[in-house]
N, C-alpha and C. Protein backbone atom coordinates (compact mmCIF):
# COMPACT_ATOMS: atom_id res chain seq x y z
N UNK A 1 -37.87 -29.40 -17.37
CA UNK A 1 -37.38 -29.15 -16.05
C UNK A 1 -35.92 -28.82 -15.76
N UNK A 2 -35.12 -29.70 -16.51
CA UNK A 2 -33.78 -29.69 -16.46
C UNK A 2 -33.29 -28.36 -16.88
N UNK A 3 -33.95 -27.81 -17.98
CA UNK A 3 -33.59 -26.44 -18.67
C UNK A 3 -33.95 -25.24 -17.65
N UNK A 4 -34.93 -25.42 -16.84
CA UNK A 4 -35.58 -24.32 -15.86
C UNK A 4 -34.36 -24.37 -14.84
N UNK A 5 -34.02 -25.54 -14.20
CA UNK A 5 -33.14 -25.62 -13.04
C UNK A 5 -31.90 -24.90 -13.56
N UNK A 6 -31.20 -25.41 -14.83
CA UNK A 6 -30.19 -24.86 -15.41
C UNK A 6 -30.07 -23.24 -15.43
N UNK A 7 -31.21 -22.83 -16.13
CA UNK A 7 -31.54 -21.43 -16.14
C UNK A 7 -31.45 -20.69 -14.81
N UNK A 8 -32.04 -21.39 -14.04
CA UNK A 8 -32.24 -20.70 -12.46
C UNK A 8 -30.79 -20.69 -11.90
N UNK A 9 -29.97 -21.73 -12.07
CA UNK A 9 -28.63 -21.87 -11.62
C UNK A 9 -27.84 -20.67 -12.28
N UNK A 10 -27.97 -20.63 -13.61
CA UNK A 10 -27.01 -19.71 -14.15
C UNK A 10 -27.44 -18.25 -13.87
N UNK A 11 -28.66 -17.94 -13.68
CA UNK A 11 -29.05 -16.61 -13.40
C UNK A 11 -28.52 -16.20 -11.92
N UNK A 12 -28.52 -17.20 -11.00
CA UNK A 12 -28.01 -16.98 -9.71
C UNK A 12 -26.57 -16.72 -9.73
N UNK A 13 -25.83 -17.45 -10.67
CA UNK A 13 -24.43 -17.16 -10.71
C UNK A 13 -24.08 -15.95 -11.27
N UNK A 14 -24.78 -15.39 -12.25
CA UNK A 14 -24.66 -14.07 -12.79
C UNK A 14 -24.93 -12.99 -11.76
N UNK A 15 -26.08 -13.06 -10.93
CA UNK A 15 -26.47 -12.26 -10.00
C UNK A 15 -25.37 -12.01 -8.94
N UNK A 16 -24.86 -13.34 -8.53
CA UNK A 16 -23.93 -13.33 -7.48
C UNK A 16 -22.62 -12.71 -7.89
N UNK A 17 -22.29 -12.75 -9.04
CA UNK A 17 -20.96 -12.29 -9.56
C UNK A 17 -21.13 -10.80 -9.58
N UNK A 18 -22.24 -10.19 -10.05
CA UNK A 18 -22.55 -8.87 -10.10
C UNK A 18 -22.52 -8.14 -8.63
N UNK A 19 -23.07 -8.85 -7.76
CA UNK A 19 -23.32 -8.38 -6.46
C UNK A 19 -21.91 -8.44 -5.62
N UNK A 20 -21.08 -9.34 -5.98
CA UNK A 20 -19.89 -9.56 -5.19
C UNK A 20 -18.90 -8.35 -4.89
N UNK A 21 -18.49 -8.07 -3.59
CA UNK A 21 -17.56 -7.09 -3.39
C UNK A 21 -16.42 -7.19 -4.32
N UNK A 22 -15.60 -6.14 -4.26
CA UNK A 22 -14.38 -6.03 -5.10
C UNK A 22 -13.61 -7.26 -4.72
N UNK A 23 -13.24 -7.92 -5.91
CA UNK A 23 -12.49 -9.27 -5.55
C UNK A 23 -10.93 -8.98 -5.56
N UNK A 24 -10.47 -10.03 -4.72
CA UNK A 24 -8.97 -9.99 -4.77
C UNK A 24 -8.42 -10.63 -5.95
N UNK A 25 -7.66 -10.06 -6.48
CA UNK A 25 -6.76 -10.35 -7.86
C UNK A 25 -5.17 -10.37 -7.63
N UNK A 26 -4.65 -11.41 -7.88
CA UNK A 26 -3.23 -11.47 -7.70
C UNK A 26 -2.54 -10.42 -8.55
N UNK A 27 -1.96 -9.56 -7.73
CA UNK A 27 -1.00 -8.65 -8.36
C UNK A 27 0.53 -8.66 -8.02
N UNK A 28 1.42 -8.78 -8.92
CA UNK A 28 2.68 -8.86 -8.50
C UNK A 28 3.48 -7.47 -8.60
N UNK A 29 4.27 -7.23 -7.56
CA UNK A 29 4.86 -5.85 -7.62
C UNK A 29 6.27 -6.14 -7.79
N UNK A 30 6.89 -5.16 -8.50
CA UNK A 30 8.34 -5.31 -8.73
C UNK A 30 9.01 -5.03 -7.37
N UNK A 31 10.24 -5.43 -7.22
CA UNK A 31 11.03 -5.26 -5.93
C UNK A 31 11.92 -4.19 -6.20
N UNK A 32 12.27 -3.52 -5.03
CA UNK A 32 13.31 -2.44 -5.06
C UNK A 32 14.17 -2.47 -3.81
N UNK A 33 15.27 -2.26 -3.74
CA UNK A 33 16.13 -2.18 -2.61
C UNK A 33 16.34 -0.81 -2.15
N UNK A 34 16.09 -0.51 -0.98
CA UNK A 34 16.11 0.79 -0.30
C UNK A 34 17.25 0.87 0.73
N UNK A 35 17.66 2.00 1.13
CA UNK A 35 18.45 2.09 2.27
C UNK A 35 17.85 3.23 2.85
N UNK A 36 17.48 3.11 4.38
CA UNK A 36 16.87 4.08 4.99
C UNK A 36 17.60 4.14 6.20
N UNK A 37 18.30 5.49 6.58
CA UNK A 37 19.32 5.47 7.66
C UNK A 37 20.33 4.38 7.24
N UNK A 38 20.53 3.54 8.49
CA UNK A 38 21.37 2.37 8.24
C UNK A 38 20.90 1.03 7.82
N UNK A 39 19.61 1.08 7.58
CA UNK A 39 18.76 -0.20 7.18
C UNK A 39 18.80 -0.38 5.75
N UNK A 40 19.23 -1.55 5.15
CA UNK A 40 19.13 -1.74 3.81
C UNK A 40 18.24 -3.04 3.83
N UNK A 41 17.18 -2.88 2.74
CA UNK A 41 16.23 -4.01 2.63
C UNK A 41 15.54 -3.87 1.33
N UNK A 42 14.96 -5.00 0.96
CA UNK A 42 14.17 -5.07 -0.31
C UNK A 42 12.75 -4.79 0.00
N UNK A 43 11.86 -4.11 -0.75
CA UNK A 43 10.44 -3.65 -0.50
C UNK A 43 9.83 -3.90 -1.92
N UNK A 44 8.46 -4.03 -1.77
CA UNK A 44 7.64 -3.93 -3.04
C UNK A 44 7.54 -2.49 -3.45
N UNK A 45 7.67 -2.31 -4.88
CA UNK A 45 7.66 -1.10 -5.45
C UNK A 45 6.28 -0.76 -6.23
N UNK A 46 5.86 0.32 -5.77
CA UNK A 46 4.37 0.74 -6.35
C UNK A 46 4.73 2.10 -7.15
N UNK A 47 5.07 2.00 -8.40
CA UNK A 47 5.55 3.10 -9.14
C UNK A 47 4.70 3.52 -10.38
N UNK A 48 3.48 2.91 -10.43
CA UNK A 48 2.63 3.18 -11.54
C UNK A 48 1.28 3.63 -10.73
N UNK A 49 0.39 4.31 -11.54
CA UNK A 49 -0.86 4.70 -10.79
C UNK A 49 -1.66 3.46 -10.41
N UNK A 50 -1.67 2.34 -11.24
CA UNK A 50 -2.42 1.20 -10.86
C UNK A 50 -2.00 0.36 -9.72
N UNK A 51 -0.37 0.46 -9.63
CA UNK A 51 0.12 -0.32 -8.34
C UNK A 51 0.01 0.59 -7.23
N UNK A 52 0.08 1.81 -7.37
CA UNK A 52 -0.18 2.72 -6.14
C UNK A 52 -1.56 2.57 -5.58
N UNK A 53 -2.49 2.55 -6.55
CA UNK A 53 -3.81 2.36 -6.30
C UNK A 53 -4.24 1.16 -5.40
N UNK A 54 -3.57 0.21 -5.86
CA UNK A 54 -3.58 -1.20 -5.16
C UNK A 54 -2.94 -1.32 -3.97
N UNK A 55 -1.77 -0.71 -3.86
CA UNK A 55 -0.98 -0.88 -2.48
C UNK A 55 -1.04 -2.16 -1.92
N UNK A 56 -1.19 -2.18 -0.61
CA UNK A 56 -1.18 -3.49 0.29
C UNK A 56 -2.47 -4.14 0.34
N UNK A 57 -3.46 -3.58 -0.40
CA UNK A 57 -4.83 -3.97 -0.28
C UNK A 57 -4.83 -5.69 -0.62
N UNK A 58 -5.59 -6.34 0.20
CA UNK A 58 -5.84 -7.78 0.15
C UNK A 58 -4.54 -8.69 0.61
N UNK A 59 -3.47 -7.91 0.79
CA UNK A 59 -2.26 -8.81 1.17
C UNK A 59 -2.50 -9.22 2.65
N UNK A 60 -1.91 -10.45 2.89
CA UNK A 60 -1.91 -10.92 4.33
C UNK A 60 -0.79 -10.59 5.19
N UNK A 61 0.19 -9.88 4.65
CA UNK A 61 1.29 -9.57 5.53
C UNK A 61 1.86 -8.36 4.89
N UNK A 62 2.34 -7.49 5.84
CA UNK A 62 3.03 -6.28 5.46
C UNK A 62 4.53 -6.41 5.47
N UNK A 63 5.02 -7.57 5.82
CA UNK A 63 6.57 -7.86 6.11
C UNK A 63 7.49 -7.27 4.97
N UNK A 64 7.00 -7.30 3.78
CA UNK A 64 7.88 -6.97 2.64
C UNK A 64 7.81 -5.39 2.67
N UNK A 65 6.94 -4.80 3.15
CA UNK A 65 6.77 -3.35 3.12
C UNK A 65 6.56 -2.92 1.67
N UNK A 66 6.24 -1.59 1.36
CA UNK A 66 5.97 -1.01 0.18
C UNK A 66 6.41 0.38 0.08
N UNK A 67 6.95 0.63 -1.02
CA UNK A 67 7.36 2.09 -1.41
C UNK A 67 6.52 2.58 -2.48
N UNK A 68 5.56 3.56 -2.27
CA UNK A 68 4.80 4.16 -3.07
C UNK A 68 5.49 5.35 -3.65
N UNK A 69 5.96 5.19 -4.96
CA UNK A 69 6.90 6.11 -5.47
C UNK A 69 6.04 7.03 -6.65
N UNK A 70 6.19 8.25 -6.51
CA UNK A 70 5.38 9.18 -7.52
C UNK A 70 6.54 9.90 -8.45
N UNK A 71 6.08 10.14 -9.65
CA UNK A 71 7.00 10.82 -10.78
C UNK A 71 7.55 12.19 -10.20
N UNK A 72 6.67 12.84 -9.32
CA UNK A 72 7.02 14.27 -9.02
C UNK A 72 6.37 14.46 -7.54
N UNK A 73 6.85 15.35 -6.84
CA UNK A 73 6.36 15.62 -5.44
C UNK A 73 4.85 16.12 -5.65
N UNK A 74 4.11 15.56 -4.75
CA UNK A 74 2.65 15.94 -4.73
C UNK A 74 2.19 15.71 -3.34
N UNK A 75 0.97 16.31 -3.05
CA UNK A 75 0.17 15.90 -1.70
C UNK A 75 -0.36 14.48 -1.80
N UNK A 76 0.20 13.79 -0.81
CA UNK A 76 -0.25 12.25 -0.79
C UNK A 76 -1.24 12.22 0.35
N UNK A 77 -2.28 11.45 0.15
CA UNK A 77 -2.98 11.02 1.20
C UNK A 77 -3.34 9.50 0.92
N UNK A 78 -3.23 8.74 2.06
CA UNK A 78 -3.40 7.19 1.87
C UNK A 78 -4.75 6.91 2.90
N UNK A 79 -5.27 5.74 2.47
CA UNK A 79 -6.34 5.23 3.30
C UNK A 79 -6.10 3.56 3.29
N UNK A 80 -6.99 2.99 4.11
CA UNK A 80 -6.75 1.58 4.39
C UNK A 80 -7.83 0.54 3.82
N UNK A 81 -8.46 1.09 2.77
CA UNK A 81 -9.59 0.30 2.22
C UNK A 81 -9.01 -1.17 1.64
N UNK A 82 -9.76 -2.07 2.23
CA UNK A 82 -9.49 -3.50 2.03
C UNK A 82 -7.99 -4.00 2.42
N UNK A 83 -7.60 -3.25 3.49
CA UNK A 83 -6.03 -3.60 3.90
C UNK A 83 -6.38 -3.83 5.59
N UNK A 84 -6.33 -5.02 5.81
CA UNK A 84 -6.45 -5.57 7.35
C UNK A 84 -5.17 -5.66 8.07
N UNK A 85 -4.38 -4.71 8.05
CA UNK A 85 -3.08 -4.91 8.42
C UNK A 85 -2.81 -3.31 9.17
N UNK A 86 -2.08 -3.63 10.48
CA UNK A 86 -1.63 -2.34 11.26
C UNK A 86 -0.28 -1.84 10.55
N UNK A 87 -0.32 -0.73 10.06
CA UNK A 87 0.90 -0.18 9.27
C UNK A 87 1.40 1.07 9.97
N UNK A 88 2.56 1.47 9.76
CA UNK A 88 3.17 2.78 9.86
C UNK A 88 3.57 3.19 8.45
N UNK A 89 3.46 4.52 8.10
CA UNK A 89 3.98 5.17 6.91
C UNK A 89 4.92 6.28 7.09
N UNK A 90 5.77 6.35 6.45
CA UNK A 90 6.75 7.45 6.40
C UNK A 90 6.59 8.14 5.16
N UNK A 91 6.29 9.46 5.14
CA UNK A 91 6.22 10.35 3.99
C UNK A 91 7.66 10.83 3.74
N UNK A 92 7.94 10.67 2.37
CA UNK A 92 9.42 11.03 2.12
C UNK A 92 9.36 12.29 1.14
N UNK A 93 9.99 13.33 1.58
CA UNK A 93 9.98 14.68 0.87
C UNK A 93 10.84 14.48 -0.32
N UNK A 94 10.70 15.78 -1.14
CA UNK A 94 11.72 15.83 -2.44
C UNK A 94 13.11 15.49 -2.42
N UNK A 95 13.67 15.74 -1.19
CA UNK A 95 15.16 15.52 -0.93
C UNK A 95 15.32 14.11 -0.50
N UNK A 96 14.37 13.09 -0.55
CA UNK A 96 14.50 11.77 0.01
C UNK A 96 14.59 11.75 1.44
N UNK A 97 13.99 12.68 2.28
CA UNK A 97 14.15 12.48 3.71
C UNK A 97 12.83 12.33 4.24
N UNK A 98 12.83 11.55 5.36
CA UNK A 98 11.57 11.33 5.98
C UNK A 98 10.95 12.60 6.60
N UNK A 99 9.73 12.97 6.05
CA UNK A 99 9.07 14.15 6.84
C UNK A 99 8.46 13.82 8.09
N UNK A 100 7.64 12.81 8.14
CA UNK A 100 6.79 12.33 9.27
C UNK A 100 6.58 11.01 9.18
N UNK A 101 6.34 10.21 10.29
CA UNK A 101 5.83 8.87 10.34
C UNK A 101 4.46 8.84 11.00
N UNK A 102 3.51 8.32 10.30
CA UNK A 102 2.08 8.29 10.93
C UNK A 102 1.65 6.74 10.81
N UNK A 103 0.75 6.53 11.76
CA UNK A 103 0.03 5.21 11.87
C UNK A 103 -1.10 5.17 10.89
N UNK A 104 -1.19 4.01 10.39
CA UNK A 104 -2.36 3.64 9.41
C UNK A 104 -3.12 2.46 10.11
N UNK A 105 -4.38 2.48 10.28
CA UNK A 105 -5.12 1.49 11.06
C UNK A 105 -5.98 0.53 10.14
N UNK A 106 -5.95 -0.63 10.52
CA UNK A 106 -6.69 -1.70 9.49
C UNK A 106 -8.01 -1.30 9.11
N UNK A 107 -8.34 -1.28 7.92
CA UNK A 107 -9.62 -1.04 7.24
C UNK A 107 -10.14 0.29 7.41
N UNK A 108 -9.37 1.31 8.02
CA UNK A 108 -9.85 2.59 8.19
C UNK A 108 -9.82 3.54 6.82
N UNK A 109 -10.85 3.88 6.38
CA UNK A 109 -10.94 4.83 5.27
C UNK A 109 -10.69 6.16 5.38
N UNK A 110 -10.23 6.55 6.59
CA UNK A 110 -10.02 7.94 6.90
C UNK A 110 -8.66 8.44 6.17
N UNK A 111 -8.59 9.49 5.24
CA UNK A 111 -7.30 9.80 4.80
C UNK A 111 -6.30 10.14 5.71
N UNK A 112 -5.04 9.68 5.45
CA UNK A 112 -3.96 10.04 6.23
C UNK A 112 -2.99 10.81 5.28
N UNK A 113 -2.50 11.98 5.53
CA UNK A 113 -1.97 12.86 4.53
C UNK A 113 -0.59 13.30 5.11
N UNK A 114 0.28 13.44 3.94
CA UNK A 114 1.57 14.18 4.10
C UNK A 114 1.47 15.56 4.61
N UNK A 115 2.37 16.24 5.28
CA UNK A 115 2.13 17.44 5.72
C UNK A 115 2.39 18.54 4.64
N UNK A 116 3.19 17.99 3.53
CA UNK A 116 3.31 18.91 2.28
C UNK A 116 3.74 17.78 1.25
N UNK A 117 4.08 18.45 0.15
CA UNK A 117 4.28 17.69 -1.03
C UNK A 117 5.33 16.59 -0.80
N UNK A 118 5.11 15.33 -1.10
CA UNK A 118 5.84 14.25 -1.01
C UNK A 118 6.25 13.56 -2.19
N UNK A 119 7.37 12.96 -2.47
CA UNK A 119 7.90 12.15 -3.55
C UNK A 119 7.39 10.64 -3.29
N UNK A 120 7.27 10.23 -2.08
CA UNK A 120 7.16 8.86 -1.81
C UNK A 120 6.45 8.54 -0.55
N UNK A 121 5.98 7.58 -0.26
CA UNK A 121 5.52 6.93 1.06
C UNK A 121 5.94 5.47 1.30
N UNK A 122 6.49 5.34 2.55
CA UNK A 122 7.09 3.83 2.66
C UNK A 122 6.10 3.42 3.66
N UNK A 123 5.39 2.32 3.41
CA UNK A 123 4.52 1.67 4.34
C UNK A 123 5.24 0.36 4.73
N UNK A 124 5.22 0.14 6.24
CA UNK A 124 5.96 -0.87 6.84
C UNK A 124 5.07 -1.28 7.97
N UNK A 125 5.26 -2.66 8.34
CA UNK A 125 4.45 -3.10 9.56
C UNK A 125 4.51 -2.23 10.71
N UNK A 126 3.51 -2.09 11.41
CA UNK A 126 3.42 -1.28 12.66
C UNK A 126 4.73 -1.42 13.57
N UNK A 127 5.23 -0.53 13.84
CA UNK A 127 6.45 -0.57 14.89
C UNK A 127 7.74 -0.75 14.13
N UNK A 128 7.68 -1.00 12.92
CA UNK A 128 9.00 -1.14 12.15
C UNK A 128 10.07 0.00 12.20
N UNK A 129 9.52 1.24 12.05
CA UNK A 129 10.37 2.26 12.13
C UNK A 129 10.84 2.59 13.43
N UNK A 130 10.19 2.35 14.56
CA UNK A 130 10.62 2.46 15.91
C UNK A 130 11.59 1.39 16.10
N UNK A 131 11.38 0.18 15.80
CA UNK A 131 12.40 -0.84 16.06
C UNK A 131 13.66 -0.58 15.30
N UNK A 132 13.74 -0.03 14.26
CA UNK A 132 14.92 0.45 13.48
C UNK A 132 15.65 1.85 13.77
N UNK A 133 14.84 2.59 14.66
CA UNK A 133 15.24 3.89 15.17
C UNK A 133 15.26 4.80 13.97
N UNK A 134 14.28 4.59 13.07
CA UNK A 134 14.15 5.55 11.92
C UNK A 134 13.17 6.70 12.42
N UNK A 135 13.56 8.01 12.12
CA UNK A 135 12.67 9.04 12.34
C UNK A 135 12.82 10.17 11.30
N UNK A 136 11.93 11.25 11.56
CA UNK A 136 12.00 12.33 10.67
C UNK A 136 13.43 12.82 10.48
N UNK A 137 13.74 13.15 9.26
CA UNK A 137 14.97 13.70 8.86
C UNK A 137 15.93 12.67 8.22
N UNK A 138 15.68 11.34 8.60
CA UNK A 138 16.60 10.28 8.02
C UNK A 138 16.32 10.23 6.51
N UNK A 139 17.50 9.75 5.91
CA UNK A 139 17.37 9.90 4.41
C UNK A 139 17.16 8.48 3.88
N UNK A 140 16.31 8.44 2.87
CA UNK A 140 16.02 7.24 2.10
C UNK A 140 16.75 7.29 0.76
N UNK A 141 17.40 6.17 0.37
CA UNK A 141 18.10 5.95 -0.98
C UNK A 141 17.40 4.87 -1.65
N UNK A 142 16.98 5.00 -2.96
CA UNK A 142 16.64 4.01 -3.68
C UNK A 142 17.83 3.36 -4.45
N UNK A 143 18.17 2.02 -4.04
CA UNK A 143 19.23 1.51 -4.62
C UNK A 143 18.69 0.63 -5.83
N UNK A 144 17.49 0.37 -5.96
CA UNK A 144 16.89 -0.49 -7.03
C UNK A 144 17.30 -1.79 -6.92
């Protein structure tokens, strides 16, 4: 009887693990220092395919911000899968200038795209760009 109960318990554990949604795993991002217009600050840096794919998913706060940096300019589209945060994103052109700032809505899987090839995307808490008077045309410098 004990063996049957153990086998039943073990099979339930295996089935629930297989059926579980994508699990939150601790991911550590390197830090980078940026200057955007007159604002200098540290942000999380996503500069590999794995880190860019993970982005701010499962994080509880966007206060640190995140710079998604690509090795060369490309068309960038972002979505908010597993991201329950209200964000703004600034798409950065190949000359390191803000092309456009767009809103990203919590858990919305609708792609939000840069208007043309971008080198980076800077995700910040909703309203951060407006609070700091950041707008299209402002220059971003990666200080590391």
